[in-house]
Amino acid sequence: MSKTIKHQEKTDFLLDKGLELLWCKGYNGTSVNDIVKVADVPKGSFYFYFDSKEDFTVKALDRYFALKRAATAEVLEDRSVSPSQRLYNYYEKRVNIMKDQLNCTWGCMGANIGNEMSEHSEKIRVTIVNHEEKIRRQLVDVVIEAQMDEEIDHTVDPDNIVAFIEDAYKGMLISMKETQSAGPLDNFLFFLKTLILK
């Protein structure tokens, strides 16, 4: 096994162990000591693989968004259902992950870290914006399809539609975390279908 593969495996191991800490405790609530403790490695090992906690966080966000895309991409690409239904199914899947796997408490790691760190770290802010833009471009493509099929109002700019939905989703996650309930999730899906996906 090459040194490069070993290096990547160790990097991924540390990211997997520390990602959950960052997700639930936030950037300032997670120390390098916390990460090496949960990974059961010496502190010096951390700085062999990462330049800083900020560097670790950027790479953890890259890993988080890759996992997020892998979990939901097939929904947007499922041509056996209509574009508007694919859009609804995509958000429904994200909502079900929040309910079933995260117990309505963790929210989105990107939104959590972004809300905390956008004013303090340009590297972290840009990383999140770039990943979110990739997701939005996929969603815009589906909205355009739905507009062509007259499933969504074609007089509204598709970029604005997606921006509104994604911003509403982020706001809903804040309410979900505050109330620790599924109510905001269900409300989001109801109005997504009622107001946009007519």
N, C-alpha and C. Protein backbone atom coordinates (compact mmCIF):
# COMPACT_ATOMS: atom_id res chain seq x y z
N MET A 1 0.85 -1.20 0.00
CA MET A 1 0.00 0.00 0.00
C MET A 1 0.88 1.25 0.00
N SER A 2 0.62 2.16 -0.90
CA SER A 2 1.46 3.33 -1.02
C SER A 2 1.26 4.28 0.15
N LYS A 3 2.26 5.13 0.34
CA LYS A 3 2.20 6.14 1.40
C LYS A 3 1.02 7.08 1.17
N THR A 4 0.75 7.41 -0.10
CA THR A 4 -0.34 8.31 -0.44
C THR A 4 -1.68 7.73 0.00
N ILE A 5 -1.90 6.46 -0.26
CA ILE A 5 -3.16 5.81 0.14
C ILE A 5 -3.26 5.76 1.65
N LYS A 6 -2.18 5.41 2.32
CA LYS A 6 -2.19 5.39 3.78
C LYS A 6 -2.49 6.76 4.35
N HIS A 7 -1.87 7.76 3.76
CA HIS A 7 -2.08 9.14 4.21
C HIS A 7 -3.55 9.53 4.05
N GLN A 8 -4.15 9.18 2.90
CA GLN A 8 -5.54 9.52 2.66
C GLN A 8 -6.47 8.77 3.60
N GLU A 9 -6.15 7.51 3.86
CA GLU A 9 -6.98 6.72 4.77
C GLU A 9 -6.96 7.31 6.18
N LYS A 10 -5.78 7.72 6.63
CA LYS A 10 -5.66 8.31 7.96
C LYS A 10 -6.37 9.67 8.02
N THR A 11 -6.23 10.44 6.94
CA THR A 11 -6.93 11.73 6.87
C THR A 11 -8.43 11.52 6.95
N ASP A 12 -8.94 10.57 6.17
CA ASP A 12 -10.38 10.28 6.17
C ASP A 12 -10.86 9.78 7.53
N PHE A 13 -10.02 8.99 8.19
CA PHE A 13 -10.37 8.47 9.52
C PHE A 13 -10.53 9.63 10.51
N LEU A 14 -9.57 10.54 10.50
CA LEU A 14 -9.66 11.70 11.40
C LEU A 14 -10.86 12.58 11.06
N LEU A 15 -11.13 12.75 9.78
CA LEU A 15 -12.28 13.56 9.37
C LEU A 15 -13.58 12.92 9.82
N ASP A 16 -13.69 11.62 9.63
CA ASP A 16 -14.92 10.92 10.04
C ASP A 16 -15.15 11.04 11.54
N LYS A 17 -14.09 10.93 12.30
CA LYS A 17 -14.23 11.01 13.76
C LYS A 17 -14.54 12.44 14.22
N GLY A 18 -13.89 13.41 13.60
CA GLY A 18 -14.07 14.79 14.03
C GLY A 18 -15.28 15.48 13.44
N LEU A 19 -15.76 14.99 12.29
CA LEU A 19 -16.89 15.63 11.62
C LEU A 19 -18.12 15.66 12.52
N GLU A 20 -18.39 14.57 13.17
CA GLU A 20 -19.57 14.51 14.05
C GLU A 20 -19.47 15.50 15.20
N LEU A 21 -18.26 15.66 15.73
CA LEU A 21 -18.07 16.65 16.80
C LEU A 21 -18.36 18.06 16.31
N LEU A 22 -17.80 18.41 15.15
CA LEU A 22 -18.05 19.73 14.58
C LEU A 22 -19.53 19.94 14.32
N TRP A 23 -20.17 18.91 13.82
CA TRP A 23 -21.58 19.00 13.45
C TRP A 23 -22.45 19.31 14.67
N CYS A 24 -22.21 18.60 15.76
CA CYS A 24 -23.10 18.76 16.91
C CYS A 24 -22.62 19.81 17.91
N LYS A 25 -21.30 20.10 17.94
CA LYS A 25 -20.79 21.05 18.93
C LYS A 25 -20.37 22.39 18.34
N GLY A 26 -20.22 22.44 17.01
CA GLY A 26 -19.81 23.68 16.36
C GLY A 26 -18.29 23.85 16.36
N TYR A 27 -17.84 24.88 15.66
CA TYR A 27 -16.41 25.14 15.52
C TYR A 27 -15.79 25.51 16.86
N ASN A 28 -16.37 26.49 17.53
CA ASN A 28 -15.79 26.94 18.80
C ASN A 28 -15.98 25.96 19.93
N GLY A 29 -16.96 25.08 19.78
CA GLY A 29 -17.20 24.07 20.81
C GLY A 29 -16.36 22.82 20.64
N THR A 30 -15.60 22.77 19.56
CA THR A 30 -14.75 21.61 19.27
C THR A 30 -13.30 22.02 19.26
N SER A 31 -12.48 21.37 20.05
CA SER A 31 -11.05 21.66 20.07
C SER A 31 -10.27 20.56 19.36
N VAL A 32 -9.04 20.86 19.02
CA VAL A 32 -8.17 19.83 18.45
C VAL A 32 -8.03 18.67 19.42
N ASN A 33 -7.93 18.98 20.71
CA ASN A 33 -7.85 17.92 21.73
C ASN A 33 -9.07 17.01 21.67
N ASP A 34 -10.25 17.60 21.47
CA ASP A 34 -11.48 16.80 21.36
C ASP A 34 -11.38 15.83 20.18
N ILE A 35 -10.88 16.33 19.06
CA ILE A 35 -10.82 15.53 17.84
C ILE A 35 -9.84 14.36 18.00
N VAL A 36 -8.63 14.65 18.53
CA VAL A 36 -7.64 13.57 18.67
C VAL A 36 -8.07 12.58 19.75
N LYS A 37 -8.82 13.06 20.72
CA LYS A 37 -9.30 12.16 21.77
C LYS A 37 -10.30 11.16 21.22
N VAL A 38 -11.27 11.66 20.43
CA VAL A 38 -12.28 10.76 19.89
C VAL A 38 -11.68 9.83 18.84
N ALA A 39 -10.62 10.29 18.16
CA ALA A 39 -9.94 9.45 17.16
C ALA A 39 -8.89 8.55 17.79
N ASP A 40 -8.56 8.81 19.06
CA ASP A 40 -7.57 8.03 19.80
C ASP A 40 -6.21 8.06 19.08
N VAL A 41 -5.76 9.28 18.75
CA VAL A 41 -4.44 9.46 18.12
C VAL A 41 -3.70 10.56 18.87
N PRO A 42 -2.36 10.59 18.79
CA PRO A 42 -1.60 11.67 19.44
C PRO A 42 -1.91 13.02 18.78
N LYS A 43 -1.80 14.08 19.55
CA LYS A 43 -2.09 15.41 19.03
C LYS A 43 -1.18 15.77 17.86
N GLY A 44 0.07 15.33 17.92
CA GLY A 44 1.00 15.62 16.84
C GLY A 44 0.55 15.04 15.51
N SER A 45 -0.19 13.93 15.57
CA SER A 45 -0.69 13.32 14.33
C SER A 45 -1.65 14.24 13.61
N PHE A 46 -2.42 14.99 14.38
CA PHE A 46 -3.40 15.89 13.78
C PHE A 46 -2.69 16.89 12.86
N TYR A 47 -1.60 17.48 13.36
CA TYR A 47 -0.90 18.51 12.60
C TYR A 47 -0.03 17.94 11.48
N PHE A 48 0.12 16.63 11.45
CA PHE A 48 0.76 15.99 10.31
C PHE A 48 -0.19 15.96 9.11
N TYR A 49 -1.48 15.81 9.40
CA TYR A 49 -2.49 15.69 8.34
C TYR A 49 -3.22 17.00 8.04
N PHE A 50 -3.24 17.92 9.01
CA PHE A 50 -3.97 19.17 8.83
C PHE A 50 -3.13 20.35 9.30
N ASP A 51 -3.22 21.47 8.60
CA ASP A 51 -2.44 22.64 8.95
C ASP A 51 -2.95 23.31 10.22
N SER A 52 -4.27 23.21 10.46
CA SER A 52 -4.90 23.92 11.58
C SER A 52 -6.31 23.38 11.76
N LYS A 53 -6.98 23.84 12.80
CA LYS A 53 -8.38 23.46 12.98
C LYS A 53 -9.23 24.01 11.84
N GLU A 54 -8.89 25.19 11.35
CA GLU A 54 -9.61 25.76 10.22
C GLU A 54 -9.46 24.87 8.99
N ASP A 55 -8.25 24.41 8.72
CA ASP A 55 -7.99 23.51 7.59
C ASP A 55 -8.78 22.22 7.76
N PHE A 56 -8.79 21.67 8.96
CA PHE A 56 -9.58 20.47 9.25
C PHE A 56 -11.05 20.71 8.96
N THR A 57 -11.56 21.86 9.38
CA THR A 57 -12.98 22.17 9.20
C THR A 57 -13.34 22.29 7.73
N VAL A 58 -12.48 22.92 6.94
CA VAL A 58 -12.72 23.02 5.49
C VAL A 58 -12.80 21.63 4.87
N LYS A 59 -11.87 20.75 5.24
CA LYS A 59 -11.87 19.39 4.69
C LYS A 59 -13.06 18.58 5.22
N ALA A 60 -13.45 18.82 6.47
CA ALA A 60 -14.63 18.14 7.02
C ALA A 60 -15.89 18.58 6.29
N LEU A 61 -15.97 19.86 5.96
CA LEU A 61 -17.11 20.36 5.19
C LEU A 61 -17.14 19.75 3.79
N ASP A 62 -15.97 19.63 3.16
CA ASP A 62 -15.90 18.96 1.85
C ASP A 62 -16.46 17.55 1.95
N ARG A 63 -16.08 16.85 3.01
CA ARG A 63 -16.53 15.47 3.21
C ARG A 63 -18.03 15.43 3.50
N TYR A 64 -18.50 16.34 4.33
CA TYR A 64 -19.92 16.40 4.67
C TYR A 64 -20.78 16.62 3.42
N PHE A 65 -20.41 17.60 2.60
CA PHE A 65 -21.21 17.89 1.41
C PHE A 65 -21.15 16.75 0.40
N ALA A 66 -20.01 16.05 0.31
CA ALA A 66 -19.92 14.89 -0.58
C ALA A 66 -20.87 13.79 -0.12
N LEU A 67 -20.92 13.55 1.18
CA LEU A 67 -21.83 12.54 1.73
C LEU A 67 -23.28 12.96 1.52
N LYS A 68 -23.55 14.24 1.70
CA LYS A 68 -24.91 14.77 1.51
C LYS A 68 -25.36 14.59 0.07
N ARG A 69 -24.48 14.90 -0.89
CA ARG A 69 -24.83 14.73 -2.30
C ARG A 69 -25.05 13.26 -2.63
N ALA A 70 -24.21 12.39 -2.08
CA ALA A 70 -24.36 10.96 -2.35
C ALA A 70 -25.69 10.42 -1.84
N ALA A 71 -26.17 10.99 -0.74
CA ALA A 71 -27.41 10.51 -0.12
C ALA A 71 -28.66 11.00 -0.85
N THR A 72 -28.54 12.07 -1.63
CA THR A 72 -29.73 12.68 -2.22
C THR A 72 -29.69 12.82 -3.74
N ALA A 73 -28.53 12.64 -4.36
CA ALA A 73 -28.38 12.91 -5.79
C ALA A 73 -29.33 12.07 -6.64
N GLU A 74 -29.50 10.80 -6.26
CA GLU A 74 -30.32 9.92 -7.09
C GLU A 74 -31.77 10.38 -7.15
N VAL A 75 -32.21 11.11 -6.12
CA VAL A 75 -33.60 11.60 -6.10
C VAL A 75 -33.80 12.63 -7.20
N LEU A 76 -32.87 13.57 -7.34
CA LEU A 76 -32.99 14.60 -8.37
C LEU A 76 -32.80 14.03 -9.77
N GLU A 77 -32.12 12.90 -9.87
CA GLU A 77 -31.82 12.32 -11.18
C GLU A 77 -32.83 11.25 -11.61
N ASP A 78 -33.83 10.99 -10.79
CA ASP A 78 -34.80 9.93 -11.07
C ASP A 78 -35.81 10.39 -12.13
N ARG A 79 -35.55 10.04 -13.37
CA ARG A 79 -36.39 10.49 -14.49
C ARG A 79 -37.71 9.74 -14.58
N SER A 80 -37.93 8.79 -13.68
CA SER A 80 -39.21 8.06 -13.71
C SER A 80 -40.34 8.88 -13.09
N VAL A 81 -39.99 10.00 -12.44
CA VAL A 81 -41.02 10.87 -11.86
C VAL A 81 -40.86 12.28 -12.44
N SER A 82 -41.90 13.08 -12.32
CA SER A 82 -41.91 14.41 -12.90
C SER A 82 -40.90 15.32 -12.19
N PRO A 83 -40.47 16.40 -12.85
CA PRO A 83 -39.50 17.31 -12.23
C PRO A 83 -39.98 17.89 -10.90
N SER A 84 -41.22 18.33 -10.83
CA SER A 84 -41.71 18.92 -9.57
C SER A 84 -41.75 17.88 -8.47
N GLN A 85 -42.09 16.64 -8.83
CA GLN A 85 -42.11 15.57 -7.82
C GLN A 85 -40.70 15.23 -7.37
N ARG A 86 -39.73 15.28 -8.30
CA ARG A 86 -38.34 15.05 -7.92
C ARG A 86 -37.87 16.10 -6.94
N LEU A 87 -38.27 17.35 -7.19
CA LEU A 87 -37.89 18.44 -6.29
C LEU A 87 -38.49 18.21 -4.91
N TYR A 88 -39.77 17.85 -4.87
CA TYR A 88 -40.42 17.57 -3.58
C TYR A 88 -39.76 16.38 -2.89
N ASN A 89 -39.51 15.32 -3.65
CA ASN A 89 -38.90 14.11 -3.07
C ASN A 89 -37.52 14.41 -2.48
N TYR A 90 -36.79 15.31 -3.14
CA TYR A 90 -35.46 15.70 -2.65
C TYR A 90 -35.56 16.33 -1.27
N TYR A 91 -36.46 17.29 -1.12
CA TYR A 91 -36.60 17.94 0.19
C TYR A 91 -37.23 17.02 1.21
N GLU A 92 -38.13 16.18 0.76
CA GLU A 92 -38.73 15.22 1.69
C GLU A 92 -37.67 14.27 2.24
N LYS A 93 -36.74 13.86 1.38
CA LYS A 93 -35.66 12.98 1.85
C LYS A 93 -34.78 13.70 2.86
N ARG A 94 -34.45 14.97 2.58
CA ARG A 94 -33.64 15.75 3.52
C ARG A 94 -34.38 15.90 4.85
N VAL A 95 -35.67 16.15 4.78
CA VAL A 95 -36.48 16.29 5.99
C VAL A 95 -36.50 14.98 6.77
N ASN A 96 -36.65 13.86 6.07
CA ASN A 96 -36.70 12.57 6.76
C ASN A 96 -35.37 12.22 7.42
N ILE A 97 -34.26 12.65 6.82
CA ILE A 97 -32.95 12.45 7.46
C ILE A 97 -32.91 13.24 8.77
N MET A 98 -33.40 14.48 8.74
CA MET A 98 -33.44 15.30 9.96
C MET A 98 -34.29 14.63 11.04
N LYS A 99 -35.39 14.04 10.63
CA LYS A 99 -36.30 13.40 11.60
C LYS A 99 -35.75 12.06 12.09
N ASP A 100 -35.42 11.18 11.16
CA ASP A 100 -35.13 9.79 11.49
C ASP A 100 -33.71 9.55 11.99
N GLN A 101 -32.74 10.27 11.42
CA GLN A 101 -31.35 10.02 11.78
C GLN A 101 -30.80 11.03 12.78
N LEU A 102 -31.31 12.26 12.73
CA LEU A 102 -30.73 13.33 13.55
C LEU A 102 -31.67 13.83 14.65
N ASN A 103 -32.84 13.22 14.76
CA ASN A 103 -33.78 13.51 15.86
C ASN A 103 -34.12 15.00 16.00
N CYS A 104 -34.14 15.70 14.89
CA CYS A 104 -34.53 17.13 14.87
C CYS A 104 -33.66 18.00 15.78
N THR A 105 -32.39 17.63 15.96
CA THR A 105 -31.55 18.38 16.88
C THR A 105 -30.27 18.94 16.24
N TRP A 106 -29.71 18.26 15.25
CA TRP A 106 -28.41 18.67 14.73
C TRP A 106 -28.49 19.71 13.63
N GLY A 107 -29.49 19.64 12.79
CA GLY A 107 -29.58 20.54 11.66
C GLY A 107 -28.58 20.18 10.58
N CYS A 108 -28.29 21.14 9.71
CA CYS A 108 -27.34 20.96 8.61
C CYS A 108 -25.97 21.45 9.07
N MET A 109 -24.95 20.63 8.93
CA MET A 109 -23.61 21.03 9.36
C MET A 109 -23.15 22.29 8.62
N GLY A 110 -23.41 22.36 7.32
CA GLY A 110 -23.02 23.53 6.55
C GLY A 110 -23.66 24.79 7.08
N ALA A 111 -24.96 24.72 7.35
CA ALA A 111 -25.68 25.89 7.87
C ALA A 111 -25.19 26.24 9.28
N ASN A 112 -24.97 25.22 10.10
CA ASN A 112 -24.51 25.46 11.47
C ASN A 112 -23.16 26.17 11.50
N ILE A 113 -22.19 25.60 10.77
CA ILE A 113 -20.84 26.16 10.76
C ILE A 113 -20.83 27.51 10.04
N GLY A 114 -21.60 27.62 8.98
CA GLY A 114 -21.67 28.88 8.25
C GLY A 114 -22.21 30.00 9.10
N ASN A 115 -23.26 29.71 9.85
CA ASN A 115 -23.86 30.72 10.73
C ASN A 115 -22.88 31.17 11.81
N GLU A 116 -22.08 30.22 12.27
CA GLU A 116 -21.13 30.51 13.35
C GLU A 116 -19.86 31.21 12.84
N MET A 117 -19.38 30.81 11.65
CA MET A 117 -18.02 31.18 11.27
C MET A 117 -17.88 32.10 10.06
N SER A 118 -18.97 32.41 9.38
CA SER A 118 -18.86 33.21 8.14
C SER A 118 -18.19 34.57 8.37
N GLU A 119 -18.37 35.16 9.53
CA GLU A 119 -17.76 36.46 9.82
C GLU A 119 -16.31 36.33 10.28
N HIS A 120 -15.89 35.11 10.57
CA HIS A 120 -14.57 34.93 11.19
C HIS A 120 -13.55 34.18 10.32
N SER A 121 -14.04 33.43 9.34
CA SER A 121 -13.13 32.67 8.49
C SER A 121 -13.61 32.72 7.05
N GLU A 122 -12.84 33.41 6.21
CA GLU A 122 -13.20 33.50 4.79
C GLU A 122 -13.07 32.15 4.11
N LYS A 123 -12.09 31.35 4.51
CA LYS A 123 -11.92 30.02 3.91
C LYS A 123 -13.14 29.14 4.16
N ILE A 124 -13.62 29.16 5.39
CA ILE A 124 -14.80 28.35 5.72
C ILE A 124 -16.03 28.89 5.00
N ARG A 125 -16.20 30.20 5.00
CA ARG A 125 -17.36 30.81 4.34
C ARG A 125 -17.39 30.45 2.86
N VAL A 126 -16.27 30.61 2.17
CA VAL A 126 -16.21 30.34 0.74
C VAL A 126 -16.44 28.86 0.45
N THR A 127 -15.90 28.00 1.29
CA THR A 127 -16.11 26.56 1.11
C THR A 127 -17.59 26.22 1.14
N ILE A 128 -18.30 26.76 2.12
CA ILE A 128 -19.73 26.49 2.24
C ILE A 128 -20.51 27.07 1.06
N VAL A 129 -20.21 28.30 0.70
CA VAL A 129 -20.91 28.96 -0.42
C VAL A 129 -20.70 28.17 -1.71
N ASN A 130 -19.48 27.72 -1.97
CA ASN A 130 -19.20 26.96 -3.19
C ASN A 130 -19.97 25.65 -3.24
N HIS A 131 -20.00 24.94 -2.12
CA HIS A 131 -20.76 23.68 -2.09
C HIS A 131 -22.26 23.93 -2.25
N GLU A 132 -22.76 24.95 -1.58
CA GLU A 132 -24.18 25.25 -1.68
C GLU A 132 -24.55 25.68 -3.09
N GLU A 133 -23.65 26.38 -3.77
CA GLU A 133 -23.91 26.81 -5.14
C GLU A 133 -24.03 25.61 -6.08
N LYS A 134 -23.20 24.58 -5.86
CA LYS A 134 -23.30 23.37 -6.68
C LYS A 134 -24.67 22.72 -6.52
N ILE A 135 -25.14 22.65 -5.28
CA ILE A 135 -26.45 22.08 -5.01
C ILE A 135 -27.54 22.93 -5.67
N ARG A 136 -27.42 24.24 -5.53
CA ARG A 136 -28.43 25.13 -6.12
C ARG A 136 -28.49 25.00 -7.63
N ARG A 137 -27.35 24.82 -8.29
CA ARG A 137 -27.36 24.67 -9.75
C ARG A 137 -28.12 23.41 -10.15
N GLN A 138 -27.95 22.33 -9.40
CA GLN A 138 -28.72 21.11 -9.68
C GLN A 138 -30.21 21.36 -9.52
N LEU A 139 -30.56 22.07 -8.46
CA LEU A 139 -31.96 22.35 -8.20
C LEU A 139 -32.56 23.27 -9.26
N VAL A 140 -31.79 24.25 -9.69
CA VAL A 140 -32.27 25.16 -10.74
C VAL A 140 -32.57 24.38 -12.02
N ASP A 141 -31.73 23.43 -12.37
CA ASP A 141 -31.97 22.61 -13.57
C ASP A 141 -33.30 21.88 -13.47
N VAL A 142 -33.61 21.36 -12.29
CA VAL A 142 -34.88 20.64 -12.11
C VAL A 142 -36.05 21.61 -12.17
N VAL A 143 -35.90 22.78 -11.58
CA VAL A 143 -36.97 23.79 -11.63
C VAL A 143 -37.24 24.21 -13.08
N ILE A 144 -36.20 24.39 -13.87
CA ILE A 144 -36.37 24.75 -15.28
C ILE A 144 -37.15 23.66 -16.02
N GLU A 145 -36.81 22.40 -15.74
CA GLU A 145 -37.57 21.29 -16.33
C GLU A 145 -39.05 21.38 -15.94
N ALA A 146 -39.29 21.65 -14.65
CA ALA A 146 -40.67 21.73 -14.17
C ALA A 146 -41.41 22.90 -14.81
N GLN A 147 -40.72 24.00 -15.04
CA GLN A 147 -41.33 25.15 -15.70
C GLN A 147 -41.67 24.82 -17.15
N MET A 148 -40.80 24.09 -17.81
CA MET A 148 -41.06 23.71 -19.20
C MET A 148 -42.26 22.77 -19.29
N ASP A 149 -42.46 21.96 -18.25
CA ASP A 149 -43.61 21.05 -18.20
C ASP A 149 -44.83 21.71 -17.58
N GLU A 150 -44.73 23.02 -17.29
CA GLU A 150 -45.82 23.81 -16.71
C GLU A 150 -46.26 23.29 -15.34
N GLU A 151 -45.29 22.77 -14.58
CA GLU A 151 -45.55 22.32 -13.21
C GLU A 151 -45.22 23.41 -12.19
N ILE A 152 -44.40 24.37 -12.60
CA ILE A 152 -44.03 25.50 -11.76
C ILE A 152 -44.18 26.76 -12.62
N ASP A 153 -44.62 27.83 -12.01
CA ASP A 153 -44.83 29.10 -12.70
C ASP A 153 -43.58 29.50 -13.49
N HIS A 154 -43.72 29.61 -14.82
CA HIS A 154 -42.57 29.90 -15.67
C HIS A 154 -42.24 31.39 -15.72
N THR A 155 -43.08 32.22 -15.10
CA THR A 155 -42.81 33.66 -15.12
C THR A 155 -41.84 34.10 -14.02
N VAL A 156 -41.53 33.19 -13.11
CA VAL A 156 -40.61 33.51 -12.00
C VAL A 156 -39.23 32.95 -12.32
N ASP A 157 -38.21 33.74 -12.08
CA ASP A 157 -36.83 33.32 -12.34
C ASP A 157 -36.50 32.05 -11.55
N PRO A 158 -36.02 30.98 -12.21
CA PRO A 158 -35.74 29.73 -11.50
C PRO A 158 -34.67 29.87 -10.41
N ASP A 159 -33.69 30.76 -10.64
CA ASP A 159 -32.67 30.99 -9.60
C ASP A 159 -33.31 31.58 -8.34
N ASN A 160 -34.27 32.48 -8.54
CA ASN A 160 -34.95 33.09 -7.39
C ASN A 160 -35.83 32.08 -6.66
N ILE A 161 -36.44 31.18 -7.41
CA ILE A 161 -37.26 30.13 -6.79
C ILE A 161 -36.40 29.26 -5.89
N VAL A 162 -35.26 28.81 -6.42
CA VAL A 162 -34.38 27.94 -5.65
C VAL A 162 -33.79 28.68 -4.46
N ALA A 163 -33.40 29.94 -4.66
CA ALA A 163 -32.86 30.73 -3.55
C ALA A 163 -33.89 30.84 -2.43
N PHE A 164 -35.15 31.08 -2.79
CA PHE A 164 -36.19 31.19 -1.78
C PHE A 164 -36.40 29.87 -1.04
N ILE A 165 -36.46 28.78 -1.78
CA ILE A 165 -36.68 27.47 -1.14
C ILE A 165 -35.53 27.13 -0.20
N GLU A 166 -34.30 27.32 -0.68
CA GLU A 166 -33.14 26.98 0.14
C GLU A 166 -33.04 27.88 1.38
N ASP A 167 -33.35 29.17 1.22
CA ASP A 167 -33.32 30.07 2.37
C ASP A 167 -34.42 29.71 3.37
N ALA A 168 -35.60 29.33 2.85
CA ALA A 168 -36.68 28.91 3.72
C ALA A 168 -36.30 27.62 4.46
N TYR A 169 -35.61 26.73 3.76
CA TYR A 169 -35.17 25.48 4.38
C TYR A 169 -34.19 25.75 5.52
N LYS A 170 -33.24 26.65 5.27
CA LYS A 170 -32.28 26.99 6.32
C LYS A 170 -32.98 27.60 7.54
N GLY A 171 -33.91 28.50 7.29
CA GLY A 171 -34.64 29.11 8.40
C GLY A 171 -35.45 28.09 9.17
N MET A 172 -36.03 27.15 8.45
CA MET A 172 -36.79 26.09 9.09
C MET A 172 -35.91 25.24 10.00
N LEU A 173 -34.66 25.01 9.57
CA LEU A 173 -33.75 24.21 10.40
C LEU A 173 -33.45 24.90 11.72
N ILE A 174 -33.36 26.22 11.70
CA ILE A 174 -33.13 26.96 12.94
C ILE A 174 -34.32 26.76 13.89
N SER A 175 -35.53 26.89 13.36
CA SER A 175 -36.73 26.69 14.19
C SER A 175 -36.80 25.26 14.70
N MET A 176 -36.43 24.30 13.85
CA MET A 176 -36.43 22.88 14.25
C MET A 176 -35.50 22.65 15.44
N LYS A 177 -34.29 23.23 15.36
CA LYS A 177 -33.32 23.05 16.45
C LYS A 177 -33.79 23.74 17.73
N GLU A 178 -34.39 24.93 17.58
CA GLU A 178 -34.86 25.65 18.76
C GLU A 178 -35.98 24.89 19.46
N THR A 179 -36.91 24.35 18.67
CA THR A 179 -38.06 23.66 19.25
C THR A 179 -37.81 22.18 19.47
N GLN A 180 -36.74 21.66 18.85
CA GLN A 180 -36.44 20.23 18.87
C GLN A 180 -37.68 19.42 18.52
N SER A 181 -38.34 19.87 17.45
CA SER A 181 -39.55 19.18 17.00
C SER A 181 -39.60 19.15 15.49
N ALA A 182 -40.44 18.25 14.96
CA ALA A 182 -40.59 18.08 13.53
C ALA A 182 -41.59 19.07 12.93
N GLY A 183 -42.24 19.86 13.76
CA GLY A 183 -43.26 20.79 13.28
C GLY A 183 -42.78 21.69 12.15
N PRO A 184 -41.64 22.38 12.30
CA PRO A 184 -41.15 23.24 11.22
C PRO A 184 -40.84 22.47 9.94
N LEU A 185 -40.39 21.22 10.07
CA LEU A 185 -40.11 20.39 8.90
C LEU A 185 -41.39 20.11 8.12
N ASP A 186 -42.41 19.69 8.84
CA ASP A 186 -43.68 19.38 8.19
C ASP A 186 -44.30 20.63 7.57
N ASN A 187 -44.16 21.75 8.25
CA ASN A 187 -44.70 23.02 7.74
C ASN A 187 -43.98 23.41 6.44
N PHE A 188 -42.67 23.22 6.41
CA PHE A 188 -41.90 23.55 5.22
C PHE A 188 -42.38 22.73 4.03
N LEU A 189 -42.54 21.41 4.21
CA LEU A 189 -42.97 20.56 3.11
C LEU A 189 -44.37 20.91 2.65
N PHE A 190 -45.25 21.23 3.59
CA PHE A 190 -46.62 21.60 3.23
C PHE A 190 -46.64 22.83 2.33
N PHE A 191 -45.91 23.87 2.71
CA PHE A 191 -45.95 25.09 1.93
C PHE A 191 -45.13 24.99 0.64
N LEU A 192 -44.11 24.12 0.64
CA LEU A 192 -43.38 23.86 -0.61
C LEU A 192 -44.34 23.32 -1.66
N LYS A 193 -45.14 22.35 -1.26
CA LYS A 193 -46.08 21.75 -2.20
C LYS A 193 -47.25 22.68 -2.50
N THR A 194 -47.73 23.40 -1.52
CA THR A 194 -48.92 24.24 -1.70
C THR A 194 -48.64 25.51 -2.50
N LEU A 195 -47.52 26.16 -2.22
CA LEU A 195 -47.25 27.47 -2.82
C LEU A 195 -46.40 27.42 -4.08
N ILE A 196 -45.53 26.43 -4.19
CA ILE A 196 -44.58 26.41 -5.31
C ILE A 196 -44.85 25.27 -6.28
N LEU A 197 -45.07 24.09 -5.77
CA LEU A 197 -45.25 22.93 -6.63
C LEU A 197 -46.73 22.65 -6.86
N LYS A 198 -47.44 23.63 -7.41
CA LYS A 198 -48.88 23.51 -7.61
C LYS A 198 -49.20 22.46 -8.67
